[in-house]
Amino acid sequence: MRGLRIGAIALLLPLLFQLSQRVSAARGQPPLPGISWALGVLGALFLVRALVTERMRGPEANPQKDLLWGVSAGCLLTILSRC
């Protein structure tokens, strides 16, 4: 069950990012330079938080852990999909 939640979050993030980029383009706003670097840093922060939370908290925090793992994986997928 955890794998499904993590996978769903990880796959949803690039889709939402792409939708956001399309809306920005439709409004005439160009993509920001360095957005991939920002996503990489954000993903790294979520990854560190996921590792710490996984180690320090019990099974009652599984939804929070899944969100953290999903966002960190989603950031990586978003970066890869932009290449």
Protein backbone atom coordinates (compact mmCIF):
# COMPACT_ATOMS: atom_id res chain seq x y z
CA MET A 1 0.00 0.00 0.00
CA ARG A 2 2.84 2.39 0.80
CA GLY A 3 4.38 1.82 -2.62
CA LEU A 4 1.13 2.77 -4.32
CA ARG A 5 0.83 6.01 -2.36
CA ILE A 6 4.45 6.94 -3.01
CA GLY A 7 4.12 6.08 -6.71
CA ALA A 8 0.90 8.06 -7.09
CA ILE A 9 2.45 11.15 -5.52
CA ALA A 10 5.66 10.73 -7.54
CA LEU A 11 3.74 10.48 -10.82
CA LEU A 12 1.31 13.27 -9.99
CA LEU A 13 3.99 15.86 -9.29
CA PRO A 14 5.48 15.98 -12.84
CA LEU A 15 1.98 16.17 -14.30
CA LEU A 16 1.04 19.09 -12.08
CA PHE A 17 4.35 20.80 -12.84
CA GLN A 18 3.78 20.43 -16.58
CA LEU A 19 0.26 21.83 -16.20
CA SER A 20 1.66 24.78 -14.27
CA GLN A 21 4.24 25.41 -16.99
CA ARG A 22 1.52 25.37 -19.67
CA VAL A 23 -0.61 27.84 -17.73
CA SER A 24 2.40 30.13 -17.30
CA ALA A 25 3.21 29.89 -21.01
CA ALA A 26 -0.39 30.69 -21.91
CA ARG A 27 -0.16 33.83 -19.78
CA GLY A 28 3.01 34.84 -21.60
CA GLN A 29 5.42 34.11 -18.77
CA PRO A 30 8.61 32.36 -19.87
CA PRO A 31 10.05 29.48 -17.83
CA LEU A 32 12.38 30.61 -15.08
CA PRO A 33 16.07 29.90 -15.54
CA GLY A 34 17.44 27.47 -13.00
CA ILE A 35 14.12 25.81 -12.25
CA SER A 36 15.71 22.36 -12.57
CA TRP A 37 18.31 23.31 -9.97
CA ALA A 38 15.58 24.55 -7.65
CA LEU A 39 13.66 21.30 -8.10
CA GLY A 40 16.84 19.35 -7.39
CA VAL A 41 17.46 21.19 -4.13
CA LEU A 42 13.82 20.82 -3.12
CA GLY A 43 13.93 17.10 -3.90
CA ALA A 44 17.15 16.70 -1.89
CA LEU A 45 15.60 18.45 1.11
CA PHE A 46 12.54 16.22 0.96
CA LEU A 47 14.78 13.17 0.59
CA VAL A 48 16.77 14.06 3.70
CA ARG A 49 13.55 14.71 5.60
CA ALA A 50 12.13 11.36 4.41
CA LEU A 51 15.25 9.50 5.54
CA VAL A 52 15.20 11.12 8.97
CA THR A 53 11.45 10.63 9.42
CA GLU A 54 11.69 6.99 8.34
CA ARG A 55 14.35 6.34 10.91
CA MET A 56 12.96 8.36 13.82
CA ARG A 57 9.19 7.87 13.65
CA GLY A 58 7.09 4.76 13.93
CA PRO A 59 4.39 3.31 11.69
CA GLU A 60 1.88 5.95 12.78
CA ALA A 61 3.74 8.44 10.58
CA ASN A 62 3.55 6.31 7.41
CA PRO A 63 1.30 8.77 5.52
CA GLN A 64 3.76 11.59 6.23
CA LYS A 65 6.69 9.38 5.23
CA ASP A 66 4.95 8.38 2.01
CA LEU A 67 4.32 12.02 1.15
CA LEU A 68 7.97 12.89 1.73
CA TRP A 69 9.23 9.94 -0.35
CA GLY A 70 6.70 10.72 -3.08
CA VAL A 71 7.63 14.39 -3.34
CA SER A 72 11.35 13.63 -3.43
CA ALA A 73 10.82 11.02 -6.16
CA GLY A 74 8.42 13.35 -7.97
CA CYS A 75 11.04 16.11 -8.04
CA LEU A 76 13.49 13.70 -9.63
CA LEU A 77 10.91 12.57 -12.19
CA THR A 78 10.07 16.19 -12.98
CA ILE A 79 13.73 16.98 -13.63
CA LEU A 80 14.12 13.89 -15.80
CA SER A 81 10.99 14.68 -17.79
CA ARG A 82 12.32 18.18 -18.56
CA CYS A 83 15.49 16.81 -20.18
